[in-house]
Amino acid sequence: ATHNIYYGLLCETGIIGIGLMVSFMLSAII
């Protein structure tokens, strides 16, 4: 795999997928 989940999400799930996952992670940590 990409050894970087953010690059992985970018190429594997596109703008929609990485947008949702990063929103999830940021919302949780904030």
PDB file of all heavy atoms in Angstrom:
ATOM      1  N   ALA A   1       0.859  -1.178   0.000  1.00  0.00           N
ATOM      2  CA  ALA A   1       0.000   0.000   0.000  1.00  0.00           C
ATOM      3  C   ALA A   1       0.897   1.230   0.000  1.00  0.00           C
ATOM      4  O   ALA A   1       2.130   1.122  -0.011  1.00  0.00           O
ATOM      5  CB  ALA A   1      -0.916  -0.023   1.222  1.00  0.00           C
ATOM      6  N   THR A   2       0.336   2.404   0.041  1.00  0.00           N
ATOM      7  CA  THR A   2       1.102   3.640  -0.185  1.00  0.00           C
ATOM      8  C   THR A   2       2.028   4.008   0.971  1.00  0.00           C
ATOM      9  O   THR A   2       2.857   4.905   0.826  1.00  0.00           O
ATOM     10  CB  THR A   2       0.144   4.818  -0.407  1.00  0.00           C
ATOM     11  OG1 THR A   2      -0.788   4.870   0.682  1.00  0.00           O
ATOM     12  CG2 THR A   2      -0.598   4.669  -1.712  1.00  0.00           C
ATOM     13  N   HIS A   3       1.907   3.368   2.125  1.00  0.00           N
ATOM     14  CA  HIS A   3       2.669   3.760   3.312  1.00  0.00           C
ATOM     15  C   HIS A   3       2.425   5.227   3.661  1.00  0.00           C
ATOM     16  O   HIS A   3       3.303   5.913   4.192  1.00  0.00           O
ATOM     17  CB  HIS A   3       4.164   3.489   3.132  1.00  0.00           C
ATOM     18  CG  HIS A   3       4.537   2.052   3.326  1.00  0.00           C
ATOM     19  ND1 HIS A   3       4.277   1.097   2.375  1.00  0.00           N
ATOM     20  CD2 HIS A   3       5.125   1.410   4.360  1.00  0.00           C
ATOM     21  CE1 HIS A   3       4.706  -0.078   2.812  1.00  0.00           C
ATOM     22  NE2 HIS A   3       5.210   0.079   4.013  1.00  0.00           N
ATOM     23  N   ASN A   4       1.245   5.692   3.378  1.00  0.00           N
ATOM     24  CA  ASN A   4       0.749   7.008   3.786  1.00  0.00           C
ATOM     25  C   ASN A   4      -0.740   6.981   3.511  1.00  0.00           C
ATOM     26  O   ASN A   4      -1.163   6.979   2.355  1.00  0.00           O
ATOM     27  CB  ASN A   4       1.434   8.121   2.998  1.00  0.00           C
ATOM     28  CG  ASN A   4       0.977   9.503   3.423  1.00  0.00           C
ATOM     29  OD1 ASN A   4      -0.218   9.802   3.473  1.00  0.00           O
ATOM     30  ND2 ASN A   4       1.936  10.371   3.731  1.00  0.00           N
ATOM     31  N   ILE A   5      -1.526   6.938   4.573  1.00  0.00           N
ATOM     32  CA  ILE A   5      -2.964   6.735   4.370  1.00  0.00           C
ATOM     33  C   ILE A   5      -3.605   7.902   3.630  1.00  0.00           C
ATOM     34  O   ILE A   5      -4.634   7.730   2.959  1.00  0.00           O
ATOM     35  CB  ILE A   5      -3.696   6.486   5.706  1.00  0.00           C
ATOM     36  CG1 ILE A   5      -3.604   7.699   6.638  1.00  0.00           C
ATOM     37  CG2 ILE A   5      -3.167   5.238   6.386  1.00  0.00           C
ATOM     38  CD1 ILE A   5      -4.435   7.561   7.902  1.00  0.00           C
ATOM     39  N   TYR A   6      -3.013   9.088   3.705  1.00  0.00           N
ATOM     40  CA  TYR A   6      -3.609  10.261   3.064  1.00  0.00           C
ATOM     41  C   TYR A   6      -3.375  10.224   1.554  1.00  0.00           C
ATOM     42  O   TYR A   6      -4.291  10.524   0.772  1.00  0.00           O
ATOM     43  CB  TYR A   6      -3.043  11.534   3.700  1.00  0.00           C
ATOM     44  CG  TYR A   6      -3.149  11.486   5.207  1.00  0.00           C
ATOM     45  CD1 TYR A   6      -2.032  11.273   6.006  1.00  0.00           C
ATOM     46  CD2 TYR A   6      -4.392  11.589   5.830  1.00  0.00           C
ATOM     47  CE1 TYR A   6      -2.138  11.187   7.387  1.00  0.00           C
ATOM     48  CE2 TYR A   6      -4.514  11.492   7.206  1.00  0.00           C
ATOM     49  CZ  TYR A   6      -3.377  11.288   7.978  1.00  0.00           C
ATOM     50  OH  TYR A   6      -3.490  11.171   9.349  1.00  0.00           O
ATOM     51  N   TYR A   7      -2.185   9.848   1.127  1.00  0.00           N
ATOM     52  CA  TYR A   7      -1.964   9.618  -0.304  1.00  0.00           C
ATOM     53  C   TYR A   7      -2.812   8.435  -0.780  1.00  0.00           C
ATOM     54  O   TYR A   7      -3.336   8.449  -1.901  1.00  0.00           O
ATOM     55  CB  TYR A   7      -0.496   9.340  -0.581  1.00  0.00           C
ATOM     56  CG  TYR A   7       0.376  10.569  -0.633  1.00  0.00           C
ATOM     57  CD1 TYR A   7       1.415  10.740   0.268  1.00  0.00           C
ATOM     58  CD2 TYR A   7       0.171  11.552  -1.597  1.00  0.00           C
ATOM     59  CE1 TYR A   7       2.233  11.874   0.221  1.00  0.00           C
ATOM     60  CE2 TYR A   7       0.972  12.681  -1.658  1.00  0.00           C
ATOM     61  CZ  TYR A   7       1.997  12.835  -0.737  1.00  0.00           C
ATOM     62  OH  TYR A   7       2.795  13.960  -0.788  1.00  0.00           O
ATOM     63  N   GLY A   8      -2.934   7.416   0.064  1.00  0.00           N
ATOM     64  CA  GLY A   8      -3.745   6.265  -0.301  1.00  0.00           C
ATOM     65  C   GLY A   8      -5.199   6.642  -0.502  1.00  0.00           C
ATOM     66  O   GLY A   8      -5.826   6.262  -1.500  1.00  0.00           O
ATOM     67  N   LEU A   9      -5.747   7.390   0.430  1.00  0.00           N
ATOM     68  CA  LEU A   9      -7.138   7.838   0.303  1.00  0.00           C
ATOM     69  C   LEU A   9      -7.314   8.733  -0.913  1.00  0.00           C
ATOM     70  O   LEU A   9      -8.342   8.675  -1.606  1.00  0.00           O
ATOM     71  CB  LEU A   9      -7.563   8.591   1.568  1.00  0.00           C
ATOM     72  CG  LEU A   9      -7.778   7.744   2.823  1.00  0.00           C
ATOM     73  CD1 LEU A   9      -7.867   8.633   4.055  1.00  0.00           C
ATOM     74  CD2 LEU A   9      -9.037   6.901   2.690  1.00  0.00           C
ATOM     75  N   LEU A  10      -6.311   9.557  -1.185  1.00  0.00           N
ATOM     76  CA  LEU A  10      -6.399  10.484  -2.310  1.00  0.00           C
ATOM     77  C   LEU A  10      -6.562   9.746  -3.627  1.00  0.00           C
ATOM     78  O   LEU A  10      -7.465  10.042  -4.421  1.00  0.00           O
ATOM     79  CB  LEU A  10      -5.142  11.357  -2.342  1.00  0.00           C
ATOM     80  CG  LEU A  10      -5.146  12.528  -3.327  1.00  0.00           C
ATOM     81  CD1 LEU A  10      -6.143  13.588  -2.893  1.00  0.00           C
ATOM     82  CD2 LEU A  10      -3.744  13.127  -3.424  1.00  0.00           C
ATOM     83  N   CYS A  11      -5.704   8.759  -3.866  1.00  0.00           N
ATOM     84  CA  CYS A  11      -5.757   8.076  -5.158  1.00  0.00           C
ATOM     85  C   CYS A  11      -6.809   6.980  -5.186  1.00  0.00           C
ATOM     86  O   CYS A  11      -7.338   6.663  -6.256  1.00  0.00           O
ATOM     87  CB  CYS A  11      -4.388   7.507  -5.520  1.00  0.00           C
ATOM     88  SG  CYS A  11      -3.849   6.097  -4.548  1.00  0.00           S
ATOM     89  N   GLU A  12      -7.140   6.410  -4.057  1.00  0.00           N
ATOM     90  CA  GLU A  12      -8.067   5.277  -4.041  1.00  0.00           C
ATOM     91  C   GLU A  12      -9.532   5.682  -3.890  1.00  0.00           C
ATOM     92  O   GLU A  12     -10.420   4.986  -4.385  1.00  0.00           O
ATOM     93  CB  GLU A  12      -7.696   4.312  -2.913  1.00  0.00           C
ATOM     94  CG  GLU A  12      -6.374   3.611  -3.132  1.00  0.00           C
ATOM     95  CD  GLU A  12      -5.994   2.706  -1.976  1.00  0.00           C
ATOM     96  OE1 GLU A  12      -6.620   2.808  -0.898  1.00  0.00           O
ATOM     97  OE2 GLU A  12      -5.065   1.893  -2.133  1.00  0.00           O
ATOM     98  N   THR A  13      -9.796   6.808  -3.205  1.00  0.00           N
ATOM     99  CA  THR A  13     -11.191   7.212  -2.984  1.00  0.00           C
ATOM    100  C   THR A  13     -11.521   8.579  -3.564  1.00  0.00           C
ATOM    101  O   THR A  13     -12.654   9.034  -3.468  1.00  0.00           O
ATOM    102  CB  THR A  13     -11.530   7.216  -1.477  1.00  0.00           C
ATOM    103  OG1 THR A  13     -10.751   8.217  -0.804  1.00  0.00           O
ATOM    104  CG2 THR A  13     -11.253   5.860  -0.856  1.00  0.00           C
ATOM    105  N   GLY A  14     -10.522   9.262  -4.152  1.00  0.00           N
ATOM    106  CA  GLY A  14     -10.781  10.535  -4.799  1.00  0.00           C
ATOM    107  C   GLY A  14     -11.126  11.642  -3.820  1.00  0.00           C
ATOM    108  O   GLY A  14     -11.007  11.508  -2.595  1.00  0.00           O
ATOM    109  N   ILE A  15     -11.573  12.744  -4.375  1.00  0.00           N
ATOM    110  CA  ILE A  15     -11.886  13.929  -3.560  1.00  0.00           C
ATOM    111  C   ILE A  15     -12.994  13.629  -2.555  1.00  0.00           C
ATOM    112  O   ILE A  15     -12.930  14.059  -1.395  1.00  0.00           O
ATOM    113  CB  ILE A  15     -12.306  15.096  -4.481  1.00  0.00           C
ATOM    114  CG1 ILE A  15     -11.123  15.536  -5.352  1.00  0.00           C
ATOM    115  CG2 ILE A  15     -12.823  16.269  -3.654  1.00  0.00           C
ATOM    116  CD1 ILE A  15     -11.477  16.559  -6.399  1.00  0.00           C
ATOM    117  N   ILE A  16     -14.001  12.896  -2.970  1.00  0.00           N
ATOM    118  CA  ILE A  16     -15.136  12.636  -2.082  1.00  0.00           C
ATOM    119  C   ILE A  16     -14.701  11.790  -0.890  1.00  0.00           C
ATOM    120  O   ILE A  16     -14.994  12.114   0.270  1.00  0.00           O
ATOM    121  CB  ILE A  16     -16.271  11.927  -2.849  1.00  0.00           C
ATOM    122  CG1 ILE A  16     -16.775  12.818  -3.985  1.00  0.00           C
ATOM    123  CG2 ILE A  16     -17.415  11.578  -1.899  1.00  0.00           C
ATOM    124  CD1 ILE A  16     -17.795  12.137  -4.872  1.00  0.00           C
ATOM    125  N   GLY A  17     -14.006  10.716  -1.161  1.00  0.00           N
ATOM    126  CA  GLY A  17     -13.617   9.808  -0.087  1.00  0.00           C
ATOM    127  C   GLY A  17     -12.658  10.435   0.899  1.00  0.00           C
ATOM    128  O   GLY A  17     -12.869  10.365   2.114  1.00  0.00           O
ATOM    129  N   ILE A  18     -11.592  11.058   0.398  1.00  0.00           N
ATOM    130  CA  ILE A  18     -10.632  11.656   1.319  1.00  0.00           C
ATOM    131  C   ILE A  18     -11.253  12.834   2.064  1.00  0.00           C
ATOM    132  O   ILE A  18     -10.940  13.081   3.239  1.00  0.00           O
ATOM    133  CB  ILE A  18      -9.334  12.097   0.588  1.00  0.00           C
ATOM    134  CG1 ILE A  18      -8.245  12.426   1.620  1.00  0.00           C
ATOM    135  CG2 ILE A  18      -9.593  13.257  -0.340  1.00  0.00           C
ATOM    136  CD1 ILE A  18      -6.890  12.717   1.014  1.00  0.00           C
ATOM    137  N   GLY A  19     -12.166  13.547   1.409  1.00  0.00           N
ATOM    138  CA  GLY A  19     -12.853  14.648   2.085  1.00  0.00           C
ATOM    139  C   GLY A  19     -13.655  14.160   3.281  1.00  0.00           C
ATOM    140  O   GLY A  19     -13.622  14.760   4.363  1.00  0.00           O
ATOM    141  N   LEU A  20     -14.371  13.059   3.101  1.00  0.00           N
ATOM    142  CA  LEU A  20     -15.178  12.508   4.195  1.00  0.00           C
ATOM    143  C   LEU A  20     -14.299  11.967   5.320  1.00  0.00           C
ATOM    144  O   LEU A  20     -14.567  12.220   6.500  1.00  0.00           O
ATOM    145  CB  LEU A  20     -16.086  11.399   3.662  1.00  0.00           C
ATOM    146  CG  LEU A  20     -17.262  11.850   2.804  1.00  0.00           C
ATOM    147  CD1 LEU A  20     -17.920  10.651   2.126  1.00  0.00           C
ATOM    148  CD2 LEU A  20     -18.290  12.600   3.654  1.00  0.00           C
ATOM    149  N   MET A  21     -13.236  11.232   4.982  1.00  0.00           N
ATOM    150  CA  MET A  21     -12.404  10.641   6.024  1.00  0.00           C
ATOM    151  C   MET A  21     -11.627  11.702   6.789  1.00  0.00           C
ATOM    152  O   MET A  21     -11.527  11.648   8.026  1.00  0.00           O
ATOM    153  CB  MET A  21     -11.452   9.605   5.421  1.00  0.00           C
ATOM    154  CG  MET A  21     -10.554   8.910   6.453  1.00  0.00           C
ATOM    155  SD  MET A  21     -11.453   8.124   7.829  1.00  0.00           S
ATOM    156  CE  MET A  21     -12.252   6.757   6.969  1.00  0.00           C
ATOM    157  N   VAL A  22     -11.065  12.675   6.085  1.00  0.00           N
ATOM    158  CA  VAL A  22     -10.329  13.739   6.774  1.00  0.00           C
ATOM    159  C   VAL A  22     -11.277  14.577   7.623  1.00  0.00           C
ATOM    160  O   VAL A  22     -10.924  14.989   8.745  1.00  0.00           O
ATOM    161  CB  VAL A  22      -9.563  14.614   5.758  1.00  0.00           C
ATOM    162  CG1 VAL A  22      -8.990  15.853   6.435  1.00  0.00           C
ATOM    163  CG2 VAL A  22      -8.439  13.804   5.118  1.00  0.00           C
ATOM    164  N   SER A  23     -12.485  14.811   7.136  1.00  0.00           N
ATOM    165  CA  SER A  23     -13.488  15.525   7.942  1.00  0.00           C
ATOM    166  C   SER A  23     -13.807  14.748   9.205  1.00  0.00           C
ATOM    167  O   SER A  23     -13.954  15.331  10.295  1.00  0.00           O
ATOM    168  CB  SER A  23     -14.762  15.750   7.125  1.00  0.00           C
ATOM    169  OG  SER A  23     -14.518  16.577   6.022  1.00  0.00           O
ATOM    170  N   PHE A  24     -13.923  13.433   9.074  1.00  0.00           N
ATOM    171  CA  PHE A  24     -14.177  12.574  10.232  1.00  0.00           C
ATOM    172  C   PHE A  24     -13.042  12.688  11.249  1.00  0.00           C
ATOM    173  O   PHE A  24     -13.271  12.898  12.454  1.00  0.00           O
ATOM    174  CB  PHE A  24     -14.327  11.126   9.767  1.00  0.00           C
ATOM    175  CG  PHE A  24     -14.378  10.123  10.878  1.00  0.00           C
ATOM    176  CD1 PHE A  24     -15.558   9.887  11.566  1.00  0.00           C
ATOM    177  CD2 PHE A  24     -13.236   9.414  11.244  1.00  0.00           C
ATOM    178  CE1 PHE A  24     -15.610   8.964  12.610  1.00  0.00           C
ATOM    179  CE2 PHE A  24     -13.277   8.489  12.271  1.00  0.00           C
ATOM    180  CZ  PHE A  24     -14.460   8.262  12.960  1.00  0.00           C
ATOM    181  N   MET A  25     -11.812  12.576  10.785  1.00  0.00           N
ATOM    182  CA  MET A  25     -10.665  12.586  11.687  1.00  0.00           C
ATOM    183  C   MET A  25     -10.484  13.948  12.344  1.00  0.00           C
ATOM    184  O   MET A  25     -10.198  14.039  13.551  1.00  0.00           O
ATOM    185  CB  MET A  25      -9.404  12.172  10.927  1.00  0.00           C
ATOM    186  CG  MET A  25      -9.470  10.747  10.385  1.00  0.00           C
ATOM    187  SD  MET A  25      -8.093  10.303   9.293  1.00  0.00           S
ATOM    188  CE  MET A  25      -6.818  10.003  10.505  1.00  0.00           C
ATOM    189  N   LEU A  26     -10.649  15.008  11.574  1.00  0.00           N
ATOM    190  CA  LEU A  26     -10.515  16.350  12.135  1.00  0.00           C
ATOM    191  C   LEU A  26     -11.627  16.665  13.127  1.00  0.00           C
ATOM    192  O   LEU A  26     -11.378  17.252  14.186  1.00  0.00           O
ATOM    193  CB  LEU A  26     -10.498  17.394  11.013  1.00  0.00           C
ATOM    194  CG  LEU A  26      -9.231  17.468  10.165  1.00  0.00           C
ATOM    195  CD1 LEU A  26      -9.395  18.489   9.048  1.00  0.00           C
ATOM    196  CD2 LEU A  26      -8.027  17.818  11.027  1.00  0.00           C
ATOM    197  N   SER A  27     -12.851  16.275  12.797  1.00  0.00           N
ATOM    198  CA  SER A  27     -13.973  16.510  13.710  1.00  0.00           C
ATOM    199  C   SER A  27     -13.754  15.789  15.035  1.00  0.00           C
ATOM    200  O   SER A  27     -14.021  16.342  16.108  1.00  0.00           O
ATOM    201  CB  SER A  27     -15.281  16.040  13.071  1.00  0.00           C
ATOM    202  OG  SER A  27     -15.580  16.770  11.908  1.00  0.00           O
ATOM    203  N   ALA A  28     -13.264  14.561  14.961  1.00  0.00           N
ATOM    204  CA  ALA A  28     -13.027  13.773  16.171  1.00  0.00           C
ATOM    205  C   ALA A  28     -11.939  14.398  17.037  1.00  0.00           C
ATOM    206  O   ALA A  28     -12.120  14.572  18.253  1.00  0.00           O
ATOM    207  CB  ALA A  28     -12.658  12.337  15.806  1.00  0.00           C
ATOM    208  N   ILE A  29     -10.809  14.757  16.449  1.00  0.00           N
ATOM    209  CA  ILE A  29      -9.694  15.276  17.245  1.00  0.00           C
ATOM    210  C   ILE A  29     -10.006  16.665  17.785  1.00  0.00           C
ATOM    211  O   ILE A  29      -9.649  16.992  18.937  1.00  0.00           O
ATOM    212  CB  ILE A  29      -8.380  15.282  16.426  1.00  0.00           C
ATOM    213  CG1 ILE A  29      -7.175  15.471  17.356  1.00  0.00           C
ATOM    214  CG2 ILE A  29      -8.394  16.334  15.337  1.00  0.00           C
ATOM    215  CD1 ILE A  29      -6.918  14.343  18.290  1.00  0.00           C
ATOM    216  N   ILE A  30     -10.693  17.504  17.004  1.00  0.00           N
ATOM    217  CA  ILE A  30     -11.055  18.839  17.490  1.00  0.00           C
ATOM    218  C   ILE A  30     -12.035  18.737  18.646  1.00  0.00           C
ATOM    219  O   ILE A  30     -11.897  19.426  19.670  1.00  0.00           O
ATOM    220  CB  ILE A  30     -11.626  19.695  16.341  1.00  0.00           C
ATOM    221  CG1 ILE A  30     -10.518  20.035  15.340  1.00  0.00           C
ATOM    222  CG2 ILE A  30     -12.262  20.970  16.888  1.00  0.00           C
ATOM    223  CD1 ILE A  30     -11.021  20.706  14.074  1.00  0.00           C
TER     224      ILE A  30
END
